[in-house]
Amino acid sequence: MQAVASTIESLRCAHQSAELATCPNNSQWLTKSVTKVSDGLYTYMKEPDLVYVMEKVDSESMVHWWKYSDDEITVANRAVCRHSFKSEKAKASGLSLPETDRKKIEVVRATQDPLHKFKWCISYCNLNGVDVWSAYVSNSDVNRRFRYETKGDCESIEMAVAVLTHIDVPFQLHMGVHRNPEHILGEKDTHKGISMDLHGFAAFFLRNVMEQRKEFVITTPMKSMANIFKQHLDPTCYQEGSNFSGSFIKTKGKNHYDNNYKFELLSADSSEEIIFKVETPDEVEQHRWFFSNTQTVDYFIIKVDSIAKLPGYNGLSTRG
């Protein structure tokens, strides 16, 4: 009976894949390929060991994602400390560690800041009007919401990013994208080139599945992620920074702590229409989920239609 059920499911997936291949740019068909596992949990299986997941974060699940973040930060810290110890020991013996090890550790070291940012963003799930999602890539099928009960619960997660939005804003905020340090260290099998696909899947999900028609994706990426965006996106589809001629974002004041701070977001259609404005301390406080996460670096703003794509469809490359 189990074999028969498996065969039926395989035929269903094959039929669905054939339908998608027939009209790969049809968002209605593509939306059907995203599976609702349960309330607040959706998956898209690109390959049996490559599953893209969107999980709505609430008070209960927030604690588990905090534990995940803390665990992976600890893994990264320990790896960096071990490498430093080995490096000093080798140096004392007149030797040096392989260059590949040094580069790998630098990547691991760089995951700590986005992991902290991911955890910080997750904490806004209880703020009125804010939707917080954990978008992640799993190397196995997902049939329940994430729970951190043992360290092994983290092993299947290859990459994750926090995705936030608000009922009153015309954009999605993607923050804290990171690869699981254990996968960087080579302790687990890993897929290459999934960061752009993860951002694209998250943007597609909110736009097409949840029908939240936001105009932009805003983020503040590290240099490596910014370079990946630039490799994959047409230059007319994104901007870096603010307050230049033709910029989508205009601000006044040093930062959002300034009592006279103002923030304006203009439409992407070149009409100069202001589609979102914040100009009072109370409004800044209402949207602190956004301003507290974007205050220290330049904005990277992307037209949502240029990035909202399911992995493997509509031309999204898999580099990065």
C-alpha atoms as a PDB file:
ATOM      1  CA  MET A   1       0.000   0.000   0.000  1.00  0.00           C
ATOM      2  CA  GLN A   2       2.833   2.380   0.870  1.00  0.00           C
ATOM      3  CA  ALA A   3       4.518   1.622  -2.470  1.00  0.00           C
ATOM      4  CA  VAL A   4       1.294   2.385  -4.332  1.00  0.00           C
ATOM      5  CA  ALA A   5       0.875   5.684  -2.468  1.00  0.00           C
ATOM      6  CA  SER A   6       4.465   6.584  -3.276  1.00  0.00           C
ATOM      7  CA  THR A   7       3.902   5.826  -6.963  1.00  0.00           C
ATOM      8  CA  ILE A   8       0.747   7.951  -7.039  1.00  0.00           C
ATOM      9  CA  GLU A   9       2.561  10.849  -5.388  1.00  0.00           C
ATOM     10  CA  SER A  10       5.437  10.543  -7.884  1.00  0.00           C
ATOM     11  CA  LEU A  11       2.972  10.618 -10.779  1.00  0.00           C
ATOM     12  CA  ARG A  12       1.237  13.659  -9.266  1.00  0.00           C
ATOM     13  CA  CYS A  13       4.544  15.508  -8.965  1.00  0.00           C
ATOM     14  CA  ALA A  14       5.521  14.518 -12.498  1.00  0.00           C
ATOM     15  CA  HIS A  15       2.178  15.745 -13.841  1.00  0.00           C
ATOM     16  CA  GLN A  16       2.556  19.021 -11.941  1.00  0.00           C
ATOM     17  CA  SER A  17       6.085  19.438 -13.294  1.00  0.00           C
ATOM     18  CA  ALA A  18       4.789  18.867 -16.827  1.00  0.00           C
ATOM     19  CA  GLU A  19       2.125  21.539 -16.329  1.00  0.00           C
ATOM     20  CA  LEU A  20       4.715  23.968 -15.038  1.00  0.00           C
ATOM     21  CA  ALA A  21       7.005  23.232 -17.965  1.00  0.00           C
ATOM     22  CA  THR A  22       4.150  23.968 -20.353  1.00  0.00           C
ATOM     23  CA  CYS A  23       3.696  27.501 -18.997  1.00  0.00           C
ATOM     24  CA  PRO A  24       6.679  28.238 -16.733  1.00  0.00           C
ATOM     25  CA  ASN A  25       5.963  31.964 -16.555  1.00  0.00           C
ATOM     26  CA  ASN A  26       2.343  31.604 -15.494  1.00  0.00           C
ATOM     27  CA  SER A  27       2.213  32.762 -11.868  1.00  0.00           C
ATOM     28  CA  GLN A  28      -1.068  30.911 -11.267  1.00  0.00           C
ATOM     29  CA  TRP A  29       0.504  27.560 -12.117  1.00  0.00           C
ATOM     30  CA  LEU A  30       3.674  28.401 -10.222  1.00  0.00           C
ATOM     31  CA  THR A  31       1.725  29.376  -7.120  1.00  0.00           C
ATOM     32  CA  LYS A  32       0.103  25.924  -7.112  1.00  0.00           C
ATOM     33  CA  SER A  33       3.542  24.341  -6.795  1.00  0.00           C
ATOM     34  CA  VAL A  34       3.931  25.882  -3.325  1.00  0.00           C
ATOM     35  CA  THR A  35       2.477  23.425  -0.811  1.00  0.00           C
ATOM     36  CA  LYS A  36       0.614  24.502   2.311  1.00  0.00           C
ATOM     37  CA  VAL A  37       1.764  22.015   4.958  1.00  0.00           C
ATOM     38  CA  SER A  38      -0.216  23.641   7.771  1.00  0.00           C
ATOM     39  CA  ASP A  39      -1.270  27.101   8.895  1.00  0.00           C
ATOM     40  CA  GLY A  40       1.766  29.342   8.577  1.00  0.00           C
ATOM     41  CA  LEU A  41       3.979  26.684   6.962  1.00  0.00           C
ATOM     42  CA  TYR A  42       4.588  26.402   3.215  1.00  0.00           C
ATOM     43  CA  THR A  43       7.143  24.518   1.160  1.00  0.00           C
ATOM     44  CA  TYR A  44       8.417  24.374  -2.400  1.00  0.00           C
ATOM     45  CA  MET A  45      10.433  21.300  -3.347  1.00  0.00           C
ATOM     46  CA  LYS A  46      12.882  22.047  -6.121  1.00  0.00           C
ATOM     47  CA  GLU A  47      14.626  18.711  -5.618  1.00  0.00           C
ATOM     48  CA  PRO A  48      14.085  15.949  -3.020  1.00  0.00           C
ATOM     49  CA  ASP A  49      17.003  17.301  -0.997  1.00  0.00           C
ATOM     50  CA  LEU A  50      16.439  20.989  -1.786  1.00  0.00           C
ATOM     51  CA  VAL A  51      13.286  22.367  -0.165  1.00  0.00           C
ATOM     52  CA  TYR A  52      12.439  26.061   0.214  1.00  0.00           C
ATOM     53  CA  VAL A  53      10.339  26.847   3.273  1.00  0.00           C
ATOM     54  CA  MET A  54       8.317  29.806   4.577  1.00  0.00           C
ATOM     55  CA  GLU A  55       7.327  29.592   8.230  1.00  0.00           C
ATOM     56  CA  LYS A  56       5.266  32.278   9.979  1.00  0.00           C
ATOM     57  CA  VAL A  57       6.911  33.174  13.268  1.00  0.00           C
ATOM     58  CA  ASP A  58       4.791  33.535  16.401  1.00  0.00           C
ATOM     59  CA  SER A  59       5.532  33.760  20.131  1.00  0.00           C
ATOM     60  CA  GLU A  60       5.989  30.017  20.459  1.00  0.00           C
ATOM     61  CA  SER A  61       8.155  29.414  17.402  1.00  0.00           C
ATOM     62  CA  MET A  62      10.223  32.546  18.077  1.00  0.00           C
ATOM     63  CA  VAL A  63      11.862  30.793  21.029  1.00  0.00           C
ATOM     64  CA  HIS A  64      12.927  27.875  18.835  1.00  0.00           C
ATOM     65  CA  TRP A  65      14.413  30.181  16.201  1.00  0.00           C
ATOM     66  CA  TRP A  66      16.290  32.042  18.942  1.00  0.00           C
ATOM     67  CA  LYS A  67      17.767  28.734  20.083  1.00  0.00           C
ATOM     68  CA  TYR A  68      18.710  27.927  16.503  1.00  0.00           C
ATOM     69  CA  SER A  69      20.474  31.297  16.141  1.00  0.00           C
ATOM     70  CA  ASP A  70      22.310  30.928  19.452  1.00  0.00           C
ATOM     71  CA  ASP A  71      23.415  27.404  18.557  1.00  0.00           C
ATOM     72  CA  GLU A  72      24.818  28.408  15.176  1.00  0.00           C
ATOM     73  CA  ILE A  73      26.544  31.483  16.627  1.00  0.00           C
ATOM     74  CA  THR A  74      28.221  29.147  19.127  1.00  0.00           C
ATOM     75  CA  VAL A  75      29.284  26.803  16.320  1.00  0.00           C
ATOM     76  CA  ALA A  76      30.828  29.724  14.439  1.00  0.00           C
ATOM     77  CA  ASN A  77      32.590  31.087  17.533  1.00  0.00           C
ATOM     78  CA  ARG A  78      34.079  27.718  18.412  1.00  0.00           C
ATOM     79  CA  ALA A  79      35.268  27.153  14.861  1.00  0.00           C
ATOM     80  CA  VAL A  80      36.991  30.538  14.784  1.00  0.00           C
ATOM     81  CA  CYS A  81      38.639  29.896  18.176  1.00  0.00           C
ATOM     82  CA  ARG A  82      39.831  26.440  17.133  1.00  0.00           C
ATOM     83  CA  HIS A  83      41.311  27.847  13.950  1.00  0.00           C
ATOM     84  CA  SER A  84      43.082  30.618  15.856  1.00  0.00           C
ATOM     85  CA  PHE A  85      44.575  28.070  18.249  1.00  0.00           C
ATOM     86  CA  LYS A  86      45.728  25.805  15.427  1.00  0.00           C
ATOM     87  CA  SER A  87      47.138  28.768  13.514  1.00  0.00           C
ATOM     88  CA  GLU A  88      49.184  29.951  16.481  1.00  0.00           C
ATOM     89  CA  LYS A  89      50.414  26.427  17.154  1.00  0.00           C
ATOM     90  CA  ALA A  90      51.429  25.972  13.521  1.00  0.00           C
ATOM     91  CA  LYS A  91      53.130  29.364  13.481  1.00  0.00           C
ATOM     92  CA  ALA A  92      55.166  28.442  16.550  1.00  0.00           C
ATOM     93  CA  SER A  93      56.372  25.360  14.667  1.00  0.00           C
ATOM     94  CA  GLY A  94      57.268  27.386  11.593  1.00  0.00           C
ATOM     95  CA  LEU A  95      54.318  26.057   9.647  1.00  0.00           C
ATOM     96  CA  SER A  96      51.105  27.528   8.271  1.00  0.00           C
ATOM     97  CA  LEU A  97      47.587  26.233   7.807  1.00  0.00           C
ATOM     98  CA  PRO A  98      46.156  25.693   4.310  1.00  0.00           C
ATOM     99  CA  GLU A  99      44.824  28.845   2.639  1.00  0.00           C
ATOM    100  CA  THR A 100      41.519  27.086   2.008  1.00  0.00           C
ATOM    101  CA  ASP A 101      41.054  26.682   5.765  1.00  0.00           C
ATOM    102  CA  ARG A 102      41.698  30.377   6.357  1.00  0.00           C
ATOM    103  CA  LYS A 103      39.173  31.414   3.705  1.00  0.00           C
ATOM    104  CA  LYS A 104      36.574  29.015   5.079  1.00  0.00           C
ATOM    105  CA  ILE A 105      36.986  30.394   8.582  1.00  0.00           C
ATOM    106  CA  GLU A 106      36.633  33.961   7.311  1.00  0.00           C
ATOM    107  CA  VAL A 107      33.291  33.003   5.788  1.00  0.00           C
ATOM    108  CA  VAL A 108      32.229  31.350   9.050  1.00  0.00           C
ATOM    109  CA  ARG A 109      33.316  34.436  11.004  1.00  0.00           C
ATOM    110  CA  ALA A 110      31.174  36.581   8.696  1.00  0.00           C
ATOM    111  CA  THR A 111      28.037  34.563   9.492  1.00  0.00           C
ATOM    112  CA  GLN A 112      27.917  35.762  13.091  1.00  0.00           C
ATOM    113  CA  ASP A 113      26.589  39.255  12.365  1.00  0.00           C
ATOM    114  CA  PRO A 114      23.722  38.094  10.097  1.00  0.00           C
ATOM    115  CA  LEU A 115      22.848  35.384  12.618  1.00  0.00           C
ATOM    116  CA  HIS A 116      22.504  38.050  15.313  1.00  0.00           C
ATOM    117  CA  LYS A 117      20.438  40.154  12.886  1.00  0.00           C
ATOM    118  CA  PHE A 118      18.237  37.163  12.045  1.00  0.00           C
ATOM    119  CA  LYS A 119      17.542  36.580  15.745  1.00  0.00           C
ATOM    120  CA  TRP A 120      16.825  40.271  16.326  1.00  0.00           C
ATOM    121  CA  CYS A 121      14.343  40.409  13.432  1.00  0.00           C
ATOM    122  CA  ILE A 122      12.535  37.286  14.600  1.00  0.00           C
ATOM    123  CA  SER A 123      11.755  39.058  17.892  1.00  0.00           C
ATOM    124  CA  TYR A 124       9.386  41.499  16.152  1.00  0.00           C
ATOM    125  CA  CYS A 125       6.736  38.828  15.575  1.00  0.00           C
ATOM    126  CA  ASN A 126       4.598  40.188  18.423  1.00  0.00           C
ATOM    127  CA  LEU A 127       4.568  43.781  17.192  1.00  0.00           C
ATOM    128  CA  ASN A 128       1.106  44.907  16.081  1.00  0.00           C
ATOM    129  CA  GLY A 129       0.634  44.801  12.304  1.00  0.00           C
ATOM    130  CA  VAL A 130       3.985  43.105  11.601  1.00  0.00           C
ATOM    131  CA  ASP A 131       4.274  39.744   9.825  1.00  0.00           C
ATOM    132  CA  VAL A 132       7.540  37.894  10.434  1.00  0.00           C
ATOM    133  CA  TRP A 133       8.590  34.834   8.469  1.00  0.00           C
ATOM    134  CA  SER A 134      11.598  32.577   8.601  1.00  0.00           C
ATOM    135  CA  ALA A 135      12.490  31.703   5.018  1.00  0.00           C
ATOM    136  CA  TYR A 136      14.929  28.837   4.845  1.00  0.00           C
ATOM    137  CA  VAL A 137      16.396  26.080   2.727  1.00  0.00           C
ATOM    138  CA  SER A 138      16.219  22.505   4.011  1.00  0.00           C
ATOM    139  CA  ASN A 139      18.021  19.473   2.608  1.00  0.00           C
ATOM    140  CA  SER A 140      15.096  17.243   3.580  1.00  0.00           C
ATOM    141  CA  ASP A 141      11.326  17.437   3.320  1.00  0.00           C
ATOM    142  CA  VAL A 142       9.556  19.558   5.947  1.00  0.00           C
ATOM    143  CA  ASN A 143       6.264  18.340   7.416  1.00  0.00           C
ATOM    144  CA  ARG A 144       6.084  20.345  10.651  1.00  0.00           C
ATOM    145  CA  ARG A 145       7.047  23.723  12.051  1.00  0.00           C
ATOM    146  CA  PHE A 146      10.632  24.094  13.199  1.00  0.00           C
ATOM    147  CA  ARG A 147      11.305  22.982  16.762  1.00  0.00           C
ATOM    148  CA  TYR A 148      14.664  23.144  18.500  1.00  0.00           C
ATOM    149  CA  GLU A 149      14.756  20.244  20.906  1.00  0.00           C
ATOM    150  CA  THR A 150      18.214  18.855  20.173  1.00  0.00           C
ATOM    151  CA  LYS A 151      21.171  20.151  18.207  1.00  0.00           C
ATOM    152  CA  GLY A 152      20.262  17.726  15.438  1.00  0.00           C
ATOM    153  CA  ASP A 153      17.151  19.771  14.672  1.00  0.00           C
ATOM    154  CA  CYS A 154      19.374  22.405  13.014  1.00  0.00           C
ATOM    155  CA  GLU A 155      21.258  20.042  10.731  1.00  0.00           C
ATOM    156  CA  SER A 156      18.871  20.101   7.789  1.00  0.00           C
ATOM    157  CA  ILE A 157      18.810  23.907   7.570  1.00  0.00           C
ATOM    158  CA  GLU A 158      21.347  25.085   4.999  1.00  0.00           C
ATOM    159  CA  MET A 159      20.454  28.782   4.788  1.00  0.00           C
ATOM    160  CA  ALA A 160      17.903  31.147   6.296  1.00  0.00           C
ATOM    161  CA  VAL A 161      16.741  34.755   6.162  1.00  0.00           C
ATOM    162  CA  ALA A 162      14.207  36.744   8.197  1.00  0.00           C
ATOM    163  CA  VAL A 163      11.413  38.313   6.146  1.00  0.00           C
ATOM    164  CA  LEU A 164       9.290  41.083   7.649  1.00  0.00           C
ATOM    165  CA  THR A 165       6.488  43.257   6.378  1.00  0.00           C
ATOM    166  CA  HIS A 166       3.636  45.378   7.723  1.00  0.00           C
ATOM    167  CA  ILE A 167       0.070  45.841   6.604  1.00  0.00           C
ATOM    168  CA  ASP A 168       0.700  49.555   5.971  1.00  0.00           C
ATOM    169  CA  VAL A 169       3.990  49.411   4.049  1.00  0.00           C
ATOM    170  CA  PRO A 170       4.625  48.770   0.337  1.00  0.00           C
ATOM    171  CA  PHE A 171       7.744  46.661   0.802  1.00  0.00           C
ATOM    172  CA  GLN A 172       9.201  43.472   2.211  1.00  0.00           C
ATOM    173  CA  LEU A 173      12.274  43.584   4.464  1.00  0.00           C
ATOM    174  CA  HIS A 174      14.791  40.741   4.050  1.00  0.00           C
ATOM    175  CA  MET A 175      17.440  40.640   6.796  1.00  0.00           C
ATOM    176  CA  GLY A 176      20.063  38.344   8.283  1.00  0.00           C
ATOM    177  CA  VAL A 177      20.611  35.960   5.376  1.00  0.00           C
ATOM    178  CA  HIS A 178      23.217  33.395   6.379  1.00  0.00           C
ATOM    179  CA  ARG A 179      24.448  29.941   5.554  1.00  0.00           C
ATOM    180  CA  ASN A 180      24.500  27.438   8.391  1.00  0.00           C
ATOM    181  CA  PRO A 181      28.128  27.482   9.674  1.00  0.00           C
ATOM    182  CA  GLU A 182      28.167  23.682   9.883  1.00  0.00           C
ATOM    183  CA  HIS A 183      27.575  23.497   6.146  1.00  0.00           C
ATOM    184  CA  ILE A 184      30.352  26.007   5.468  1.00  0.00           C
ATOM    185  CA  LEU A 185      32.752  23.955   7.574  1.00  0.00           C
ATOM    186  CA  GLY A 186      32.047  20.925   5.435  1.00  0.00           C
ATOM    187  CA  GLU A 187      30.543  18.929   8.265  1.00  0.00           C
ATOM    188  CA  LYS A 188      27.282  18.581   6.310  1.00  0.00           C
ATOM    189  CA  ASP A 189      26.428  18.192   2.640  1.00  0.00           C
ATOM    190  CA  THR A 190      25.505  21.530   1.128  1.00  0.00           C
ATOM    191  CA  HIS A 191      24.052  23.071  -2.021  1.00  0.00           C
ATOM    192  CA  LYS A 192      25.806  25.901  -3.787  1.00  0.00           C
ATOM    193  CA  GLY A 193      24.138  28.948  -5.283  1.00  0.00           C
ATOM    194  CA  ILE A 194      20.963  29.136  -3.187  1.00  0.00           C
ATOM    195  CA  SER A 195      21.050  32.641  -1.666  1.00  0.00           C
ATOM    196  CA  MET A 196      19.481  34.411  -4.649  1.00  0.00           C
ATOM    197  CA  ASP A 197      16.898  31.661  -5.002  1.00  0.00           C
ATOM    198  CA  LEU A 198      15.977  31.966  -1.324  1.00  0.00           C
ATOM    199  CA  HIS A 199      15.381  35.720  -1.599  1.00  0.00           C
ATOM    200  CA  GLY A 200      13.416  35.137  -4.810  1.00  0.00           C
ATOM    201  CA  PHE A 201      11.272  32.426  -3.249  1.00  0.00           C
ATOM    202  CA  ALA A 202      10.463  34.570  -0.199  1.00  0.00           C
ATOM    203  CA  ALA A 203       9.501  37.531  -2.374  1.00  0.00           C
ATOM    204  CA  PHE A 204       7.411  35.323  -4.664  1.00  0.00           C
ATOM    205  CA  PHE A 205       5.653  33.712  -1.715  1.00  0.00           C
ATOM    206  CA  LEU A 206       4.521  36.974  -0.140  1.00  0.00           C
ATOM    207  CA  ARG A 207       3.480  38.442  -3.486  1.00  0.00           C
ATOM    208  CA  ASN A 208       1.766  35.458  -5.083  1.00  0.00           C
ATOM    209  CA  VAL A 209       0.745  33.057  -2.314  1.00  0.00           C
ATOM    210  CA  MET A 210      -0.105  35.518   0.456  1.00  0.00           C
ATOM    211  CA  GLU A 211      -1.168  38.114  -2.140  1.00  0.00           C
ATOM    212  CA  GLN A 212       0.687  40.916  -0.387  1.00  0.00           C
ATOM    213  CA  ARG A 213       1.381  43.100  -3.407  1.00  0.00           C
ATOM    214  CA  LYS A 214       4.416  44.980  -2.184  1.00  0.00           C
ATOM    215  CA  GLU A 215       6.395  47.122  -4.616  1.00  0.00           C
ATOM    216  CA  PHE A 216       9.911  46.608  -3.235  1.00  0.00           C
ATOM    217  CA  VAL A 217      12.233  44.288  -1.374  1.00  0.00           C
ATOM    218  CA  ILE A 218      14.499  46.275   0.938  1.00  0.00           C
ATOM    219  CA  THR A 219      17.596  44.880   2.606  1.00  0.00           C
ATOM    220  CA  THR A 220      21.014  45.972   3.879  1.00  0.00           C
ATOM    221  CA  PRO A 221      23.254  43.189   2.565  1.00  0.00           C
ATOM    222  CA  MET A 222      26.847  42.412   3.324  1.00  0.00           C
ATOM    223  CA  LYS A 223      29.193  43.123   0.424  1.00  0.00           C
ATOM    224  CA  SER A 224      29.199  39.497  -0.732  1.00  0.00           C
ATOM    225  CA  MET A 225      25.386  39.369  -0.935  1.00  0.00           C
ATOM    226  CA  ALA A 226      25.212  42.788  -2.595  1.00  0.00           C
ATOM    227  CA  ASN A 227      27.576  41.506  -5.272  1.00  0.00           C
ATOM    228  CA  ILE A 228      25.339  38.484  -5.861  1.00  0.00           C
ATOM    229  CA  PHE A 229      22.322  40.775  -6.314  1.00  0.00           C
ATOM    230  CA  LYS A 230      24.288  42.833  -8.825  1.00  0.00           C
ATOM    231  CA  GLN A 231      25.322  39.726 -10.765  1.00  0.00           C
ATOM    232  CA  HIS A 232      21.741  38.551 -11.151  1.00  0.00           C
ATOM    233  CA  LEU A 233      19.630  41.706 -11.428  1.00  0.00           C
ATOM    234  CA  ASP A 234      19.354  44.240 -14.193  1.00  0.00           C
ATOM    235  CA  PRO A 235      20.858  47.556 -13.019  1.00  0.00           C
ATOM    236  CA  THR A 236      17.510  49.264 -13.640  1.00  0.00           C
ATOM    237  CA  CYS A 237      15.835  46.963 -11.094  1.00  0.00           C
ATOM    238  CA  TYR A 238      17.734  47.966  -7.953  1.00  0.00           C
ATOM    239  CA  GLN A 239      19.319  50.916  -6.179  1.00  0.00           C
ATOM    240  CA  GLU A 240      21.939  51.292  -3.480  1.00  0.00           C
ATOM    241  CA  GLY A 241      21.738  54.109  -0.975  1.00  0.00           C
ATOM    242  CA  SER A 242      19.379  57.062  -0.730  1.00  0.00           C
ATOM    243  CA  ASN A 243      19.083  60.818  -1.232  1.00  0.00           C
ATOM    244  CA  PHE A 244      20.518  60.987  -4.727  1.00  0.00           C
ATOM    245  CA  SER A 245      18.826  62.194  -7.873  1.00  0.00           C
ATOM    246  CA  GLY A 246      16.223  59.623  -8.848  1.00  0.00           C
ATOM    247  CA  SER A 247      16.560  57.587  -5.648  1.00  0.00           C
ATOM    248  CA  PHE A 248      13.549  55.707  -4.350  1.00  0.00           C
ATOM    249  CA  ILE A 249      14.403  56.558  -0.739  1.00  0.00           C
ATOM    250  CA  LYS A 250      14.658  60.107   0.595  1.00  0.00           C
ATOM    251  CA  THR A 251      15.549  60.795   4.216  1.00  0.00           C
ATOM    252  CA  LYS A 252      16.066  63.830   6.410  1.00  0.00           C
ATOM    253  CA  GLY A 253      18.010  63.730   9.664  1.00  0.00           C
ATOM    254  CA  LYS A 254      21.029  61.705  10.750  1.00  0.00           C
ATOM    255  CA  ASN A 255      19.060  58.622  11.781  1.00  0.00           C
ATOM    256  CA  HIS A 256      15.668  57.564  13.113  1.00  0.00           C
ATOM    257  CA  TYR A 257      16.603  58.694  16.641  1.00  0.00           C
ATOM    258  CA  ASP A 258      16.534  62.293  15.400  1.00  0.00           C
ATOM    259  CA  ASN A 259      13.235  63.957  16.419  1.00  0.00           C
ATOM    260  CA  ASN A 260      13.117  65.652  13.011  1.00  0.00           C
ATOM    261  CA  TYR A 261      13.800  62.464  11.083  1.00  0.00           C
ATOM    262  CA  LYS A 262      11.790  61.925   7.896  1.00  0.00           C
ATOM    263  CA  PHE A 263      11.652  58.949   5.553  1.00  0.00           C
ATOM    264  CA  GLU A 264       9.980  58.831   2.145  1.00  0.00           C
ATOM    265  CA  LEU A 265       9.703  55.932  -0.283  1.00  0.00           C
ATOM    266  CA  LEU A 266       8.869  56.807  -3.880  1.00  0.00           C
ATOM    267  CA  SER A 267       7.146  54.631  -6.432  1.00  0.00           C
ATOM    268  CA  ALA A 268       9.272  52.588  -8.827  1.00  0.00           C
ATOM    269  CA  ASP A 269       7.311  53.867 -11.837  1.00  0.00           C
ATOM    270  CA  SER A 270       9.271  57.168 -12.043  1.00  0.00           C
ATOM    271  CA  SER A 271       6.178  59.149 -11.114  1.00  0.00           C
ATOM    272  CA  GLU A 272       7.820  60.594  -7.980  1.00  0.00           C
ATOM    273  CA  GLU A 273       4.683  59.507  -6.091  1.00  0.00           C
ATOM    274  CA  ILE A 274       5.345  59.040  -2.375  1.00  0.00           C
ATOM    275  CA  ILE A 275       3.999  55.598  -1.482  1.00  0.00           C
ATOM    276  CA  PHE A 276       5.223  55.493   2.123  1.00  0.00           C
ATOM    277  CA  LYS A 277       6.125  58.297   4.503  1.00  0.00           C
ATOM    278  CA  VAL A 278       7.289  58.531   8.105  1.00  0.00           C
ATOM    279  CA  GLU A 279       7.738  61.992   9.620  1.00  0.00           C
ATOM    280  CA  THR A 280       6.936  61.867  13.346  1.00  0.00           C
ATOM    281  CA  PRO A 281       8.574  60.052  16.288  1.00  0.00           C
ATOM    282  CA  ASP A 282       5.347  58.110  16.831  1.00  0.00           C
ATOM    283  CA  GLU A 283       5.425  56.850  13.243  1.00  0.00           C
ATOM    284  CA  VAL A 284       9.072  55.886  13.621  1.00  0.00           C
ATOM    285  CA  GLU A 285       8.180  53.945  16.748  1.00  0.00           C
ATOM    286  CA  GLN A 286       5.339  52.181  14.930  1.00  0.00           C
ATOM    287  CA  HIS A 287       7.820  50.975  12.334  1.00  0.00           C
ATOM    288  CA  ARG A 288      10.818  50.354  14.557  1.00  0.00           C
ATOM    289  CA  TRP A 289      10.880  46.801  13.152  1.00  0.00           C
ATOM    290  CA  PHE A 290      12.187  48.458   9.983  1.00  0.00           C
ATOM    291  CA  PHE A 291      14.271  51.397  11.205  1.00  0.00           C
ATOM    292  CA  SER A 292      16.098  49.560  13.991  1.00  0.00           C
ATOM    293  CA  ASN A 293      17.252  46.953  11.470  1.00  0.00           C
ATOM    294  CA  THR A 294      18.408  49.311   8.711  1.00  0.00           C
ATOM    295  CA  GLN A 295      20.012  52.224  10.527  1.00  0.00           C
ATOM    296  CA  THR A 296      23.717  51.528  10.172  1.00  0.00           C
ATOM    297  CA  VAL A 297      24.282  50.766   6.481  1.00  0.00           C
ATOM    298  CA  ASP A 298      23.021  51.847   3.091  1.00  0.00           C
ATOM    299  CA  TYR A 299      19.719  50.578   1.801  1.00  0.00           C
ATOM    300  CA  PHE A 300      19.636  48.088  -1.056  1.00  0.00           C
ATOM    301  CA  ILE A 301      16.204  48.363  -2.656  1.00  0.00           C
ATOM    302  CA  ILE A 302      14.935  45.984  -5.332  1.00  0.00           C
ATOM    303  CA  LYS A 303      11.823  46.132  -7.497  1.00  0.00           C
ATOM    304  CA  VAL A 304       9.879  43.134  -6.285  1.00  0.00           C
ATOM    305  CA  ASP A 305       8.815  41.943  -9.749  1.00  0.00           C
ATOM    306  CA  SER A 306      12.462  41.520 -10.721  1.00  0.00           C
ATOM    307  CA  ILE A 307      13.270  39.151  -7.869  1.00  0.00           C
ATOM    308  CA  ALA A 308       9.988  37.412  -6.936  1.00  0.00           C
ATOM    309  CA  LYS A 309      10.524  34.096  -8.696  1.00  0.00           C
ATOM    310  CA  LEU A 310      10.414  30.437  -7.765  1.00  0.00           C
ATOM    311  CA  PRO A 311      13.823  28.726  -7.925  1.00  0.00           C
ATOM    312  CA  GLY A 312      14.311  27.170 -11.336  1.00  0.00           C
ATOM    313  CA  TYR A 313      11.657  29.269 -13.096  1.00  0.00           C
ATOM    314  CA  ASN A 314      11.502  32.644 -14.814  1.00  0.00           C
ATOM    315  CA  GLY A 315      15.217  32.824 -15.381  1.00  0.00           C
ATOM    316  CA  LEU A 316      16.539  33.140 -11.829  1.00  0.00           C
ATOM    317  CA  SER A 317      20.135  31.962 -11.933  1.00  0.00           C
ATOM    318  CA  THR A 318      21.463  29.723  -9.200  1.00  0.00           C
ATOM    319  CA  ARG A 319      24.820  31.357  -8.591  1.00  0.00           C
ATOM    320  CA  GLY A 320      25.598  32.893  -5.206  1.00  0.00           C
END
